[in-house]
C-alpha atoms as a PDB file:
ATOM      1  CA  MET A   1     161.957 144.713 270.177  1.00  0.00           C
ATOM      2  CA  PRO A   2     158.685 145.280 272.150  1.00  0.00           C
ATOM      3  CA  VAL A   3     155.820 142.609 272.609  1.00  0.00           C
ATOM      4  CA  ASN A   4     153.512 144.093 270.432  1.00  0.00           C
ATOM      5  CA  GLU A   5     155.477 143.902 267.099  1.00  0.00           C
ATOM      6  CA  ILE A   6     155.110 139.623 267.410  1.00  0.00           C
ATOM      7  CA  ILE A   7     151.633 139.718 267.845  1.00  0.00           C
ATOM      8  CA  ALA A   8     148.376 141.249 266.091  1.00  0.00           C
ATOM      9  CA  GLN A   9     144.797 140.729 266.767  1.00  0.00           C
ATOM     10  CA  ILE A  10     143.277 137.644 264.825  1.00  0.00           C
ATOM     11  CA  ASN A  11     142.945 137.880 261.246  1.00  0.00           C
ATOM     12  CA  ILE A  12     143.811 134.005 260.034  1.00  0.00           C
ATOM     13  CA  ASP A  13     141.458 131.071 259.203  1.00  0.00           C
ATOM     14  CA  ALA A  14     137.707 131.618 259.252  1.00  0.00           C
ATOM     15  CA  MET A  15     137.365 128.668 261.874  1.00  0.00           C
ATOM     16  CA  TYR A  16     140.090 130.091 264.533  1.00  0.00           C
ATOM     17  CA  GLN A  17     137.893 133.413 264.273  1.00  0.00           C
ATOM     18  CA  GLU A  18     134.550 131.667 264.997  1.00  0.00           C
ATOM     19  CA  TYR A  19     136.344 129.827 267.868  1.00  0.00           C
ATOM     20  CA  LEU A  20     137.932 133.082 269.422  1.00  0.00           C
ATOM     21  CA  TYR A  21     134.687 134.884 269.340  1.00  0.00           C
ATOM     22  CA  ALA A  22     132.835 132.079 270.701  1.00  0.00           C
ATOM     23  CA  LYS A  23     135.387 131.596 273.518  1.00  0.00           C
ATOM     24  CA  ARG A  24     134.800 135.399 274.295  1.00  0.00           C
ATOM     25  CA  ARG A  25     131.020 135.584 273.953  1.00  0.00           C
ATOM     26  CA  ASP A  26     130.438 132.257 276.365  1.00  0.00           C
ATOM     27  CA  VAL A  27     133.058 130.969 279.007  1.00  0.00           C
ATOM     28  CA  SER A  28     130.953 128.139 278.819  1.00  0.00           C
ATOM     29  CA  TYR A  29     131.776 127.263 275.076  1.00  0.00           C
ATOM     30  CA  PHE A  30     134.327 124.262 275.442  1.00  0.00           C
ATOM     31  CA  ASN A  31     131.978 122.477 278.124  1.00  0.00           C
ATOM     32  CA  ARG A  32     129.775 121.779 274.838  1.00  0.00           C
ATOM     33  CA  ILE A  33     132.944 120.093 273.292  1.00  0.00           C
ATOM     34  CA  GLU A  34     134.120 117.032 274.374  1.00  0.00           C
ATOM     35  CA  GLY A  35     138.446 117.422 274.839  1.00  0.00           C
ATOM     36  CA  THR A  36     140.061 120.288 274.767  1.00  0.00           C
ATOM     37  CA  PRO A  37     142.747 122.152 272.028  1.00  0.00           C
ATOM     38  CA  TYR A  38     145.469 122.098 274.764  1.00  0.00           C
ATOM     39  CA  SER A  39     148.064 119.434 276.589  1.00  0.00           C
ATOM     40  CA  HIS A  40     148.786 122.571 279.020  1.00  0.00           C
ATOM     41  CA  PRO A  41     145.488 124.601 279.156  1.00  0.00           C
ATOM     42  CA  ASP A  42     147.560 127.688 281.301  1.00  0.00           C
ATOM     43  CA  PHE A  43     149.355 130.301 280.094  1.00  0.00           C
ATOM     44  CA  SER A  44     152.689 129.980 281.536  1.00  0.00           C
ATOM     45  CA  ASP A  45     155.746 132.476 281.351  1.00  0.00           C
ATOM     46  CA  ALA A  46     157.672 132.476 278.219  1.00  0.00           C
ATOM     47  CA  ALA A  47     160.500 133.737 276.526  1.00  0.00           C
ATOM     48  CA  VAL A  48     160.421 134.450 272.944  1.00  0.00           C
ATOM     49  CA  PHE A  49     163.853 134.446 271.152  1.00  0.00           C
ATOM     50  CA  PHE A  50     164.356 136.198 267.465  1.00  0.00           C
ATOM     51  CA  ARG A  51     166.824 135.206 265.214  1.00  0.00           C
ATOM     52  CA  GLU A  52     170.100 137.590 265.112  1.00  0.00           C
ATOM     53  CA  ASN A  53     169.056 138.850 268.583  1.00  0.00           C
ATOM     54  CA  PRO A  54     170.070 137.486 271.618  1.00  0.00           C
ATOM     55  CA  SER A  55     167.731 139.203 273.995  1.00  0.00           C
ATOM     56  CA  PRO A  56     164.391 137.225 274.643  1.00  0.00           C
ATOM     57  CA  VAL A  57     161.096 138.929 275.056  1.00  0.00           C
ATOM     58  CA  LYS A  58     158.958 137.804 277.627  1.00  0.00           C
ATOM     59  CA  ALA A  59     155.549 136.950 277.634  1.00  0.00           C
ATOM     60  CA  LYS A  60     152.609 134.299 278.870  1.00  0.00           C
ATOM     61  CA  LEU A  61     152.192 131.845 276.145  1.00  0.00           C
ATOM     62  CA  ARG A  62     150.519 128.606 275.557  1.00  0.00           C
ATOM     63  CA  TYR A  63     150.771 126.241 272.456  1.00  0.00           C
ATOM     64  CA  ASN A  64     147.175 125.640 270.633  1.00  0.00           C
ATOM     65  CA  GLU A  65     147.507 121.866 269.189  1.00  0.00           C
ATOM     66  CA  LEU A  66     144.416 122.443 267.553  1.00  0.00           C
ATOM     67  CA  PHE A  67     144.903 125.483 265.356  1.00  0.00           C
ATOM     68  CA  ASP A  68     149.218 125.337 265.773  1.00  0.00           C
ATOM     69  CA  GLU A  69     149.256 128.899 267.504  1.00  0.00           C
ATOM     70  CA  MET A  70     150.951 130.153 270.262  1.00  0.00           C
ATOM     71  CA  GLU A  71     148.232 132.057 272.267  1.00  0.00           C
ATOM     72  CA  MET A  72     149.398 135.358 274.006  1.00  0.00           C
ATOM     73  CA  VAL A  73     147.132 136.528 277.197  1.00  0.00           C
ATOM     74  CA  LYS A  74     146.798 140.277 277.173  1.00  0.00           C
ATOM     75  CA  ASP A  75     146.617 142.206 280.277  1.00  0.00           C
ATOM     76  CA  GLU A  76     145.651 139.827 282.640  1.00  0.00           C
ATOM     77  CA  SER A  77     142.139 139.874 280.398  1.00  0.00           C
ATOM     78  CA  ASP A  78     139.994 137.277 278.658  1.00  0.00           C
ATOM     79  CA  GLU A  79     141.305 138.181 275.614  1.00  0.00           C
ATOM     80  CA  PHE A  80     144.119 136.668 273.886  1.00  0.00           C
ATOM     81  CA  LEU A  81     145.907 137.221 271.044  1.00  0.00           C
ATOM     82  CA  ILE A  82     148.236 134.863 268.544  1.00  0.00           C
ATOM     83  CA  VAL A  83     151.817 135.245 268.334  1.00  0.00           C
ATOM     84  CA  GLU A  84     152.519 136.600 264.309  1.00  0.00           C
ATOM     85  CA  ASN A  85     155.818 137.225 262.799  1.00  0.00           C
ATOM     86  CA  LYS A  86     156.662 134.054 263.313  1.00  0.00           C
ATOM     87  CA  HIS A  87     159.794 133.958 260.239  1.00  0.00           C
ATOM     88  CA  ILE A  88     161.735 135.885 262.541  1.00  0.00           C
ATOM     89  CA  ILE A  89     161.594 133.739 265.107  1.00  0.00           C
ATOM     90  CA  ASP A  90     164.079 131.391 266.432  1.00  0.00           C
ATOM     91  CA  SER A  91     162.381 129.417 269.479  1.00  0.00           C
ATOM     92  CA  ILE A  92     159.648 130.052 271.834  1.00  0.00           C
ATOM     93  CA  TYR A  93     160.623 128.717 275.728  1.00  0.00           C
ATOM     94  CA  LEU A  94     157.544 128.131 277.855  1.00  0.00           C
ATOM     95  CA  SER A  95     159.069 127.706 281.261  1.00  0.00           C
ATOM     96  CA  GLU A  96     155.825 125.921 283.202  1.00  0.00           C
ATOM     97  CA  ASN A  97     156.446 123.032 281.622  1.00  0.00           C
ATOM     98  CA  ASN A  98     160.303 123.185 280.256  1.00  0.00           C
ATOM     99  CA  GLU A  99     159.615 122.974 276.614  1.00  0.00           C
ATOM    100  CA  MET A 100     161.597 124.766 273.334  1.00  0.00           C
ATOM    101  CA  TYR A 101     159.195 125.017 270.392  1.00  0.00           C
ATOM    102  CA  LYS A 102     160.514 125.884 266.997  1.00  0.00           C
ATOM    103  CA  PHE A 103     158.626 127.590 264.395  1.00  0.00           C
ATOM    104  CA  LEU A 104     160.284 125.480 261.084  1.00  0.00           C
ATOM    105  CA  ILE A 105     159.422 123.866 257.519  1.00  0.00           C
ATOM    106  CA  TYR A 106     159.461 120.249 257.999  1.00  0.00           C
ATOM    107  CA  LYS A 107     159.017 117.423 255.531  1.00  0.00           C
ATOM    108  CA  ASP A 108     155.978 115.234 256.071  1.00  0.00           C
ATOM    109  CA  GLN A 109     156.823 112.520 253.807  1.00  0.00           C
ATOM    110  CA  ASP A 110     156.465 113.890 250.348  1.00  0.00           C
ATOM    111  CA  GLU A 111     154.545 117.095 251.575  1.00  0.00           C
ATOM    112  CA  ILE A 112     156.633 120.255 253.024  1.00  0.00           C
ATOM    113  CA  SER A 113     154.656 121.822 255.822  1.00  0.00           C
ATOM    114  CA  LYS A 114     155.834 124.861 258.317  1.00  0.00           C
ATOM    115  CA  GLY A 115     154.901 124.876 261.975  1.00  0.00           C
ATOM    116  CA  TYR A 116     155.551 124.599 265.782  1.00  0.00           C
ATOM    117  CA  LEU A 117     157.826 121.695 266.733  1.00  0.00           C
ATOM    118  CA  LEU A 118     158.599 120.897 270.041  1.00  0.00           C
ATOM    119  CA  GLN A 119     162.245 120.008 270.488  1.00  0.00           C
ATOM    120  CA  MET A 120     163.240 117.011 272.596  1.00  0.00           C
ATOM    121  CA  VAL A 121     167.196 116.756 271.581  1.00  0.00           C
ATOM    122  CA  ASP A 122     169.480 119.468 270.339  1.00  0.00           C
ATOM    123  CA  GLY A 123     172.855 118.426 269.006  1.00  0.00           C
ATOM    124  CA  ASN A 124     174.151 117.345 265.450  1.00  0.00           C
ATOM    125  CA  CYS A 125     170.845 114.961 265.043  1.00  0.00           C
ATOM    126  CA  THR A 126     168.078 117.178 266.560  1.00  0.00           C
ATOM    127  CA  LEU A 127     164.600 115.284 267.412  1.00  0.00           C
ATOM    128  CA  PHE A 128     161.397 116.884 267.320  1.00  0.00           C
ATOM    129  CA  LEU A 129     157.946 115.962 268.538  1.00  0.00           C
ATOM    130  CA  LYS A 130     154.672 117.587 266.757  1.00  0.00           C
ATOM    131  CA  ARG A 131     151.571 117.610 269.008  1.00  0.00           C
ATOM    132  CA  SER A 132     148.245 117.951 266.880  1.00  0.00           C
ATOM    133  CA  ARG A 133     144.560 117.577 267.475  1.00  0.00           C
ATOM    134  CA  ILE A 134     141.619 117.454 265.267  1.00  0.00           C
ATOM    135  CA  TYR A 135     138.237 118.922 265.766  1.00  0.00           C
ATOM    136  CA  GLN A 136     135.043 116.847 264.794  1.00  0.00           C
ATOM    137  CA  PRO A 137     131.571 118.180 264.321  1.00  0.00           C
ATOM    138  CA  GLU A 138     128.879 117.167 266.016  1.00  0.00           C
ATOM    139  CA  LYS A 139     126.331 113.974 264.587  1.00  0.00           C
ATOM    140  CA  LYS A 140     122.977 114.669 264.834  1.00  0.00           C
ATOM    141  CA  ALA A 141     120.767 111.467 266.362  1.00  0.00           C
ATOM    142  CA  ALA A 142     119.531 109.887 263.077  1.00  0.00           C
ATOM    143  CA  ALA A 143     117.571 106.407 262.728  1.00  0.00           C
ATOM    144  CA  TYR A 144     120.200 104.295 263.591  1.00  0.00           C
ATOM    145  CA  GLN A 145     122.721 106.788 265.107  1.00  0.00           C
ATOM    146  CA  ASP A 146     122.499 108.151 268.712  1.00  0.00           C
ATOM    147  CA  TYR A 147     123.589 111.498 268.989  1.00  0.00           C
ATOM    148  CA  VAL A 148     127.296 112.425 268.957  1.00  0.00           C
ATOM    149  CA  PRO A 149     128.796 115.887 270.748  1.00  0.00           C
ATOM    150  CA  ALA A 150     131.253 118.137 268.769  1.00  0.00           C
ATOM    151  CA  SER A 151     134.580 116.948 270.080  1.00  0.00           C
ATOM    152  CA  ILE A 152     138.618 117.701 269.665  1.00  0.00           C
ATOM    153  CA  ILE A 153     140.393 114.529 268.967  1.00  0.00           C
ATOM    154  CA  LYS A 154     144.088 114.213 270.110  1.00  0.00           C
ATOM    155  CA  LYS A 155     146.190 112.656 266.697  1.00  0.00           C
ATOM    156  CA  PRO A 156     149.245 110.292 267.393  1.00  0.00           C
ATOM    157  CA  ASP A 157     152.270 112.172 268.178  1.00  0.00           C
ATOM    158  CA  LEU A 158     154.634 112.398 265.407  1.00  0.00           C
ATOM    159  CA  PHE A 159     158.559 112.731 265.428  1.00  0.00           C
ATOM    160  CA  TYR A 160     161.056 114.613 263.064  1.00  0.00           C
ATOM    161  CA  ILE A 161     164.682 114.698 262.834  1.00  0.00           C
ATOM    162  CA  SER A 162     166.874 117.142 261.623  1.00  0.00           C
ATOM    163  CA  PHE A 163     170.407 115.559 260.703  1.00  0.00           C
ATOM    164  CA  VAL A 164     173.297 118.880 260.519  1.00  0.00           C
ATOM    165  CA  ASN A 165     170.456 121.336 260.952  1.00  0.00           C
ATOM    166  CA  ASN A 166     168.946 119.912 257.595  1.00  0.00           C
ATOM    167  CA  THR A 167     165.138 120.144 257.488  1.00  0.00           C
ATOM    168  CA  PRO A 168     163.768 118.062 259.941  1.00  0.00           C
ATOM    169  CA  GLU A 169     162.300 114.692 258.219  1.00  0.00           C
ATOM    170  CA  LEU A 170     159.521 112.551 259.455  1.00  0.00           C
ATOM    171  CA  VAL A 171     160.681 109.293 261.256  1.00  0.00           C
ATOM    172  CA  PRO A 172     159.359 106.160 259.790  1.00  0.00           C
ATOM    173  CA  GLN A 173     156.844 104.408 262.447  1.00  0.00           C
ATOM    174  CA  SER A 174     158.259 100.360 261.984  1.00  0.00           C
ATOM    175  CA  SER A 175     161.630  99.363 263.633  1.00  0.00           C
ATOM    176  CA  LYS A 176     162.940  98.232 260.351  1.00  0.00           C
ATOM    177  CA  LYS A 177     162.189 101.512 258.784  1.00  0.00           C
ATOM    178  CA  ILE A 178     163.695 103.222 261.577  1.00  0.00           C
ATOM    179  CA  ILE A 179     167.190 101.505 261.126  1.00  0.00           C
ATOM    180  CA  GLU A 180     167.143 101.959 257.317  1.00  0.00           C
ATOM    181  CA  PHE A 181     166.218 106.237 257.880  1.00  0.00           C
ATOM    182  CA  PHE A 182     169.180 106.491 260.617  1.00  0.00           C
ATOM    183  CA  LEU A 183     171.771 104.366 258.297  1.00  0.00           C
ATOM    184  CA  GLN A 184     170.549 106.796 255.061  1.00  0.00           C
ATOM    185  CA  ASN A 185     172.030 109.275 257.450  1.00  0.00           C
ATOM    186  CA  GLY A 186     175.234 108.153 258.535  1.00  0.00           C
ATOM    187  CA  TYR A 187     174.060 106.332 261.741  1.00  0.00           C
ATOM    188  CA  ASP A 188     174.166 102.818 262.575  1.00  0.00           C
ATOM    189  CA  LEU A 189     172.094 101.391 264.991  1.00  0.00           C
ATOM    190  CA  ARG A 190     173.304  97.756 265.124  1.00  0.00           C
ATOM    191  CA  ARG A 191     173.815  98.355 269.130  1.00  0.00           C
ATOM    192  CA  PHE A 192     170.382  98.572 269.292  1.00  0.00           C
ATOM    193  CA  SER A 193     167.697  95.200 269.204  1.00  0.00           C
ATOM    194  CA  LYS A 194     164.567  95.744 267.241  1.00  0.00           C
ATOM    195  CA  LYS A 195     163.066  95.885 270.775  1.00  0.00           C
ATOM    196  CA  GLN A 196     164.844  98.818 271.915  1.00  0.00           C
ATOM    197  CA  ILE A 197     163.678 100.363 269.002  1.00  0.00           C
ATOM    198  CA  LYS A 198     160.497 101.694 269.203  1.00  0.00           C
ATOM    199  CA  TYR A 199     158.147 104.708 268.017  1.00  0.00           C
ATOM    200  CA  ASN A 200     157.810 106.694 271.008  1.00  0.00           C
ATOM    201  CA  SER A 201     159.807 109.567 272.848  1.00  0.00           C
ATOM    202  CA  VAL A 202     161.859 107.170 275.252  1.00  0.00           C
ATOM    203  CA  SER A 203     163.222 104.854 272.562  1.00  0.00           C
ATOM    204  CA  LEU A 204     163.655 107.916 269.773  1.00  0.00           C
ATOM    205  CA  VAL A 205     165.229 110.005 272.716  1.00  0.00           C
ATOM    206  CA  GLU A 206     168.001 107.508 273.433  1.00  0.00           C
ATOM    207  CA  ILE A 207     168.420 106.755 269.858  1.00  0.00           C
ATOM    208  CA  VAL A 208     169.139 110.211 268.866  1.00  0.00           C
ATOM    209  CA  LYS A 209     171.153 110.946 272.223  1.00  0.00           C
ATOM    210  CA  PHE A 210     173.365 108.201 271.013  1.00  0.00           C
ATOM    211  CA  CYS A 211     174.071 109.289 267.448  1.00  0.00           C
ATOM    212  CA  ASN A 212     174.892 112.551 269.234  1.00  0.00           C
ATOM    213  CA  ASP A 213     177.519 110.937 271.214  1.00  0.00           C
ATOM    214  CA  GLN A 214     179.235 108.835 268.419  1.00  0.00           C
ATOM    215  CA  ARG A 215     179.564 111.959 265.995  1.00  0.00           C
ATOM    216  CA  THR A 216     181.318 114.165 268.986  1.00  0.00           C
ATOM    217  CA  GLU A 217     183.725 110.889 269.735  1.00  0.00           C
END
């Protein structure tokens, strides 16, 4: 599948269009905004894997956490596109940071969302990380308030788990609720102390790897 079949000129949210047009018109655009939309701003050599097609398409991509989009550089120019036709993509591998992203439907408590999740651990229990950012408009100076420039703010990381290829679910954030969450899905975490069970990547990677080992024994 040629690269031009998975990308398209920007034709989505008006805010994203404005962001791209401003970026193209003025390279110092983000100098006036505090923060960045990216954890990794450089474009990375990437492989795009399609469903039912073992041969990946090579590209130069980066993940925009503000808009939850994969951006693609084209012909070494300043313009970039977004990856489209996401429904036919199985996964995207960014080699620079050794990251595997999947575009998935996932459960966010009582809501259903769709977007890119970073795969941390694969197996019967698959752990995903969601990185996201928000845009905060500038605040004009007022009688009792100083001017606050526009900024892009990183939101706390969220973790999701898919049990036996089910829809990824948001992991609760307290140790007690994490234990209950895994127990409801058939995994006993009693070998871990509550101090070991934390809502961060180190702890959850260890827990998920343990659960996968238990299932294979």
